[in-house]
N, C-alpha and C. Protein backbone atom coordinates (compact mmCIF):
# COMPACT_ATOMS: atom_id res chain seq x y z
N MET A 1 -5.55 21.08 23.21
CA MET A 1 -5.28 19.83 22.53
C MET A 1 -6.61 19.18 22.12
N ALA A 2 -6.71 18.78 20.87
CA ALA A 2 -7.93 18.20 20.34
C ALA A 2 -8.03 16.73 20.73
N LEU A 3 -9.22 16.29 20.96
CA LEU A 3 -9.49 14.91 21.31
C LEU A 3 -9.58 14.08 20.03
N ASN A 4 -8.84 12.98 19.99
CA ASN A 4 -8.88 12.09 18.84
C ASN A 4 -10.09 11.18 18.98
N THR A 5 -11.10 11.41 18.16
CA THR A 5 -12.32 10.61 18.23
C THR A 5 -12.25 9.34 17.41
N ASN A 6 -11.26 9.21 16.54
CA ASN A 6 -11.10 8.03 15.70
C ASN A 6 -10.22 7.03 16.43
N LYS A 7 -10.82 6.08 17.13
CA LYS A 7 -10.08 5.11 17.95
C LYS A 7 -9.51 3.97 17.12
N ASN A 8 -9.88 3.85 15.86
CA ASN A 8 -9.41 2.75 15.03
C ASN A 8 -8.06 3.03 14.37
N VAL A 9 -7.53 4.23 14.52
CA VAL A 9 -6.28 4.58 13.87
C VAL A 9 -5.11 4.05 14.70
N LYS A 10 -4.28 3.27 14.07
CA LYS A 10 -3.08 2.76 14.72
C LYS A 10 -1.89 3.57 14.24
N LEU A 11 -0.93 3.78 15.10
CA LEU A 11 0.29 4.49 14.69
C LEU A 11 1.22 3.57 13.92
N TYR A 12 1.32 2.31 14.35
CA TYR A 12 2.24 1.38 13.72
C TYR A 12 1.54 0.04 13.48
N TYR A 13 1.94 -0.60 12.38
CA TYR A 13 1.41 -1.90 12.01
C TYR A 13 2.57 -2.88 11.91
N SER A 14 2.32 -4.14 12.24
CA SER A 14 3.35 -5.16 12.14
C SER A 14 3.54 -5.56 10.68
N ILE A 15 4.64 -6.23 10.42
CA ILE A 15 4.91 -6.68 9.04
C ILE A 15 3.85 -7.68 8.61
N ARG A 16 3.35 -8.47 9.54
CA ARG A 16 2.30 -9.46 9.22
C ARG A 16 1.02 -8.75 8.78
N GLU A 17 0.65 -7.68 9.49
CA GLU A 17 -0.56 -6.94 9.14
C GLU A 17 -0.43 -6.27 7.77
N VAL A 18 0.73 -5.71 7.50
CA VAL A 18 0.95 -5.04 6.21
C VAL A 18 0.95 -6.05 5.08
N ALA A 19 1.60 -7.19 5.31
CA ALA A 19 1.62 -8.24 4.28
C ALA A 19 0.21 -8.71 3.98
N LYS A 20 -0.62 -8.84 5.00
CA LYS A 20 -2.00 -9.28 4.81
C LYS A 20 -2.81 -8.22 4.05
N MET A 21 -2.54 -6.93 4.30
CA MET A 21 -3.25 -5.86 3.60
C MET A 21 -3.08 -5.96 2.09
N PHE A 22 -1.87 -6.35 1.67
CA PHE A 22 -1.55 -6.35 0.25
C PHE A 22 -1.53 -7.75 -0.36
N GLY A 23 -1.71 -8.76 0.45
CA GLY A 23 -1.72 -10.12 -0.07
C GLY A 23 -0.36 -10.58 -0.56
N VAL A 24 0.69 -10.17 0.13
CA VAL A 24 2.05 -10.59 -0.21
C VAL A 24 2.68 -11.26 1.00
N ASN A 25 3.79 -11.93 0.79
CA ASN A 25 4.52 -12.57 1.88
C ASN A 25 5.32 -11.53 2.66
N GLU A 26 5.60 -11.84 3.92
CA GLU A 26 6.43 -10.97 4.73
C GLU A 26 7.84 -10.85 4.13
N SER A 27 8.31 -11.94 3.54
CA SER A 27 9.64 -11.92 2.93
C SER A 27 9.68 -10.97 1.73
N THR A 28 8.56 -10.83 1.04
CA THR A 28 8.48 -9.88 -0.07
C THR A 28 8.68 -8.46 0.43
N LEU A 29 8.03 -8.12 1.55
CA LEU A 29 8.19 -6.78 2.13
C LEU A 29 9.62 -6.55 2.57
N ARG A 30 10.24 -7.56 3.18
CA ARG A 30 11.64 -7.42 3.60
C ARG A 30 12.55 -7.18 2.39
N TYR A 31 12.27 -7.90 1.30
CA TYR A 31 13.07 -7.73 0.10
C TYR A 31 12.88 -6.35 -0.50
N TRP A 32 11.64 -5.88 -0.53
CA TRP A 32 11.38 -4.54 -1.06
C TRP A 32 12.12 -3.47 -0.25
N GLU A 33 12.29 -3.71 1.05
CA GLU A 33 13.04 -2.76 1.88
C GLU A 33 14.49 -2.63 1.39
N THR A 34 15.05 -3.72 0.90
CA THR A 34 16.43 -3.68 0.41
C THR A 34 16.51 -3.03 -0.98
N GLU A 35 15.44 -3.15 -1.75
CA GLU A 35 15.44 -2.65 -3.12
C GLU A 35 15.00 -1.20 -3.26
N PHE A 36 14.18 -0.72 -2.34
CA PHE A 36 13.63 0.63 -2.43
C PHE A 36 14.07 1.45 -1.22
N PRO A 37 14.94 2.42 -1.43
CA PRO A 37 15.46 3.21 -0.31
C PRO A 37 14.39 4.05 0.39
N HIS A 38 13.26 4.31 -0.26
CA HIS A 38 12.20 5.12 0.36
C HIS A 38 11.44 4.33 1.42
N LEU A 39 11.53 3.01 1.39
CA LEU A 39 10.78 2.17 2.31
C LEU A 39 11.69 1.79 3.49
N LYS A 40 11.50 2.45 4.61
CA LYS A 40 12.31 2.20 5.80
C LYS A 40 11.41 2.18 7.04
N PRO A 41 10.79 1.02 7.34
CA PRO A 41 9.97 0.97 8.55
C PRO A 41 10.85 1.04 9.80
N LYS A 42 10.24 1.48 10.88
CA LYS A 42 10.94 1.58 12.16
C LYS A 42 11.20 0.17 12.68
N THR A 43 12.38 -0.06 13.23
CA THR A 43 12.68 -1.36 13.82
C THR A 43 12.93 -1.17 15.31
N VAL A 44 12.37 -2.07 16.10
CA VAL A 44 12.55 -2.05 17.55
C VAL A 44 12.91 -3.46 18.01
N GLY A 45 13.49 -3.53 19.19
CA GLY A 45 13.80 -4.85 19.76
C GLY A 45 14.70 -5.65 18.85
N GLN A 46 14.32 -6.87 18.64
CA GLN A 46 15.11 -7.78 17.80
C GLN A 46 14.67 -7.69 16.34
N ASN A 47 14.88 -6.52 15.75
CA ASN A 47 14.52 -6.25 14.36
C ASN A 47 13.03 -6.45 14.06
N VAL A 48 12.18 -6.10 15.01
CA VAL A 48 10.74 -6.13 14.80
C VAL A 48 10.37 -4.87 14.04
N ARG A 49 9.79 -5.06 12.86
CA ARG A 49 9.44 -3.93 12.01
C ARG A 49 8.10 -3.35 12.41
N GLN A 50 8.03 -2.02 12.43
CA GLN A 50 6.79 -1.32 12.68
C GLN A 50 6.56 -0.33 11.55
N TYR A 51 5.49 -0.56 10.80
CA TYR A 51 5.18 0.26 9.63
C TYR A 51 4.23 1.38 10.02
N SER A 52 4.61 2.62 9.71
CA SER A 52 3.73 3.77 9.91
C SER A 52 2.83 3.89 8.68
N GLN A 53 1.89 4.83 8.73
CA GLN A 53 1.00 5.04 7.58
C GLN A 53 1.82 5.48 6.36
N LYS A 54 2.87 6.26 6.58
CA LYS A 54 3.73 6.70 5.47
C LYS A 54 4.41 5.49 4.82
N ASP A 55 4.87 4.54 5.64
CA ASP A 55 5.49 3.33 5.10
C ASP A 55 4.48 2.51 4.31
N ILE A 56 3.26 2.43 4.82
CA ILE A 56 2.21 1.68 4.12
C ILE A 56 1.88 2.34 2.79
N ASP A 57 1.91 3.66 2.75
CA ASP A 57 1.69 4.37 1.48
C ASP A 57 2.81 4.04 0.49
N GLN A 58 4.04 3.93 0.97
CA GLN A 58 5.16 3.56 0.10
C GLN A 58 4.97 2.14 -0.43
N VAL A 59 4.54 1.23 0.44
CA VAL A 59 4.28 -0.15 0.01
C VAL A 59 3.18 -0.16 -1.03
N ARG A 60 2.15 0.66 -0.85
CA ARG A 60 1.05 0.74 -1.82
C ARG A 60 1.57 1.17 -3.20
N VAL A 61 2.47 2.14 -3.23
CA VAL A 61 3.03 2.61 -4.49
C VAL A 61 3.86 1.50 -5.13
N ILE A 62 4.71 0.86 -4.34
CA ILE A 62 5.56 -0.23 -4.86
C ILE A 62 4.68 -1.36 -5.37
N TYR A 63 3.67 -1.74 -4.60
CA TYR A 63 2.76 -2.81 -4.99
C TYR A 63 2.08 -2.46 -6.32
N ASN A 64 1.64 -1.22 -6.44
CA ASN A 64 1.00 -0.78 -7.67
C ASN A 64 1.93 -0.94 -8.86
N LEU A 65 3.16 -0.50 -8.71
CA LEU A 65 4.10 -0.57 -9.83
C LEU A 65 4.48 -2.01 -10.17
N VAL A 66 4.77 -2.81 -9.15
CA VAL A 66 5.32 -4.15 -9.39
C VAL A 66 4.23 -5.18 -9.65
N LYS A 67 3.22 -5.22 -8.80
CA LYS A 67 2.23 -6.29 -8.91
C LYS A 67 1.08 -5.96 -9.85
N GLU A 68 0.62 -4.72 -9.84
CA GLU A 68 -0.54 -4.38 -10.67
C GLU A 68 -0.15 -3.94 -12.07
N ARG A 69 0.92 -3.17 -12.18
CA ARG A 69 1.31 -2.66 -13.50
C ARG A 69 2.40 -3.49 -14.16
N GLY A 70 3.01 -4.42 -13.42
CA GLY A 70 3.94 -5.37 -14.01
C GLY A 70 5.36 -4.86 -14.23
N PHE A 71 5.76 -3.80 -13.56
CA PHE A 71 7.13 -3.31 -13.70
C PHE A 71 8.11 -4.25 -13.00
N LYS A 72 9.30 -4.36 -13.56
CA LYS A 72 10.37 -5.07 -12.85
C LYS A 72 10.86 -4.15 -11.74
N LEU A 73 11.53 -4.73 -10.74
CA LEU A 73 11.95 -3.94 -9.58
C LEU A 73 12.87 -2.79 -9.97
N SER A 74 13.79 -3.03 -10.89
CA SER A 74 14.72 -1.96 -11.27
C SER A 74 13.98 -0.82 -11.98
N ALA A 75 13.01 -1.16 -12.82
CA ALA A 75 12.24 -0.12 -13.50
C ALA A 75 11.36 0.64 -12.52
N ALA A 76 10.78 -0.06 -11.57
CA ALA A 76 9.95 0.60 -10.55
C ALA A 76 10.80 1.54 -9.70
N ARG A 77 11.99 1.10 -9.35
CA ARG A 77 12.91 1.93 -8.55
C ARG A 77 13.30 3.18 -9.32
N LYS A 78 13.62 3.03 -10.60
CA LYS A 78 13.98 4.18 -11.43
C LYS A 78 12.81 5.16 -11.53
N MET A 79 11.62 4.61 -11.73
CA MET A 79 10.44 5.46 -11.87
C MET A 79 10.18 6.23 -10.57
N MET A 80 10.33 5.58 -9.44
CA MET A 80 10.11 6.24 -8.15
C MET A 80 11.18 7.31 -7.90
N ASN A 81 12.41 7.03 -8.28
CA ASN A 81 13.48 8.01 -8.08
C ASN A 81 13.31 9.22 -8.99
N ALA A 82 12.81 8.99 -10.20
CA ALA A 82 12.67 10.08 -11.16
C ALA A 82 11.48 10.97 -10.86
N ASN A 83 10.37 10.37 -10.42
CA ASN A 83 9.14 11.14 -10.26
C ASN A 83 8.31 10.57 -9.12
N GLN A 84 8.77 10.74 -7.90
CA GLN A 84 8.10 10.18 -6.72
C GLN A 84 6.66 10.66 -6.59
N LYS A 85 6.44 11.95 -6.70
CA LYS A 85 5.09 12.52 -6.53
C LYS A 85 4.13 12.02 -7.61
N GLY A 86 4.59 11.98 -8.84
CA GLY A 86 3.75 11.51 -9.94
C GLY A 86 3.36 10.05 -9.77
N VAL A 87 4.30 9.23 -9.33
CA VAL A 87 4.03 7.81 -9.12
C VAL A 87 3.02 7.64 -7.99
N GLU A 88 3.19 8.40 -6.91
CA GLU A 88 2.26 8.32 -5.79
C GLU A 88 0.85 8.74 -6.21
N LYS A 89 0.77 9.81 -6.98
CA LYS A 89 -0.54 10.31 -7.43
C LYS A 89 -1.22 9.28 -8.34
N THR A 90 -0.46 8.68 -9.24
CA THR A 90 -1.00 7.65 -10.13
C THR A 90 -1.51 6.47 -9.33
N ALA A 91 -0.77 6.05 -8.31
CA ALA A 91 -1.19 4.93 -7.47
C ALA A 91 -2.48 5.27 -6.72
N ASP A 92 -2.57 6.51 -6.23
CA ASP A 92 -3.78 6.94 -5.52
C ASP A 92 -4.99 6.93 -6.46
N VAL A 93 -4.80 7.43 -7.66
CA VAL A 93 -5.90 7.47 -8.64
C VAL A 93 -6.35 6.05 -8.98
N LEU A 94 -5.40 5.15 -9.19
CA LEU A 94 -5.74 3.78 -9.53
C LEU A 94 -6.48 3.10 -8.38
N THR A 95 -6.06 3.35 -7.15
CA THR A 95 -6.74 2.79 -5.98
C THR A 95 -8.17 3.30 -5.90
N THR A 96 -8.36 4.59 -6.13
CA THR A 96 -9.70 5.18 -6.10
C THR A 96 -10.58 4.60 -7.20
N LEU A 97 -10.04 4.48 -8.40
CA LEU A 97 -10.81 3.92 -9.51
C LEU A 97 -11.19 2.47 -9.26
N THR A 98 -10.30 1.70 -8.70
CA THR A 98 -10.58 0.31 -8.37
C THR A 98 -11.70 0.22 -7.34
N SER A 99 -11.66 1.10 -6.35
CA SER A 99 -12.70 1.13 -5.33
C SER A 99 -14.05 1.50 -5.93
N VAL A 100 -14.08 2.48 -6.82
CA VAL A 100 -15.32 2.89 -7.48
C VAL A 100 -15.86 1.74 -8.32
N ARG A 101 -14.99 1.06 -9.05
CA ARG A 101 -15.41 -0.07 -9.87
C ARG A 101 -16.05 -1.16 -9.00
N ASP A 102 -15.41 -1.47 -7.87
CA ASP A 102 -15.95 -2.50 -6.98
C ASP A 102 -17.31 -2.10 -6.43
N GLN A 103 -17.47 -0.82 -6.09
CA GLN A 103 -18.76 -0.35 -5.59
C GLN A 103 -19.83 -0.43 -6.67
N LEU A 104 -19.48 -0.09 -7.89
CA LEU A 104 -20.44 -0.17 -8.99
C LEU A 104 -20.83 -1.62 -9.28
N GLN A 105 -19.88 -2.53 -9.21
CA GLN A 105 -20.19 -3.94 -9.42
C GLN A 105 -21.13 -4.46 -8.33
N GLU A 106 -20.90 -4.02 -7.10
CA GLU A 106 -21.77 -4.42 -5.99
C GLU A 106 -23.18 -3.86 -6.20
N LEU A 107 -23.27 -2.62 -6.64
CA LEU A 107 -24.59 -2.01 -6.92
C LEU A 107 -25.31 -2.79 -8.02
N LYS A 108 -24.58 -3.13 -9.07
CA LYS A 108 -25.18 -3.89 -10.18
C LYS A 108 -25.68 -5.24 -9.67
N ARG A 109 -24.90 -5.89 -8.84
CA ARG A 109 -25.30 -7.18 -8.30
C ARG A 109 -26.58 -7.04 -7.48
N GLN A 110 -26.67 -5.99 -6.66
CA GLN A 110 -27.86 -5.77 -5.85
C GLN A 110 -29.08 -5.47 -6.73
N LEU A 111 -28.87 -4.66 -7.78
CA LEU A 111 -29.98 -4.35 -8.69
C LEU A 111 -30.45 -5.61 -9.44
N ASP A 112 -29.52 -6.45 -9.81
CA ASP A 112 -29.89 -7.69 -10.50
C ASP A 112 -30.73 -8.60 -9.61
N GLN A 113 -30.49 -8.56 -8.31
CA GLN A 113 -31.26 -9.38 -7.38
C GLN A 113 -32.68 -8.85 -7.23
N ILE A 114 -32.85 -7.53 -7.33
CA ILE A 114 -34.16 -6.91 -7.20
C ILE A 114 -35.02 -7.23 -8.41
N VAL A 115 -34.43 -7.16 -9.59
CA VAL A 115 -35.18 -7.35 -10.84
C VAL A 115 -35.31 -8.78 -11.12
């Protein structure tokens, strides 16, 4: 059995933590659960939601479609049902590009301070 050296990895995240990651309300996540059949976090106790990394990836895809690209919920649901893998890949590419852009802007800011 291999030793897990990455101690920062959590198996489950609370709805509050996930909402904070994406800058949305907890009620928004609950509503998305009713609208998107792919999003089903584990519930324990008195309906306490626990989001796995797979659930967070689903939220990332939904967030990308609805908040960043401006799709209505019904259109986003249809798109996810028709081409789940393509939508996920597009969301991953957009996340990577956004990260690269932010890093480049930070580099430019640092260079401007030097000059």
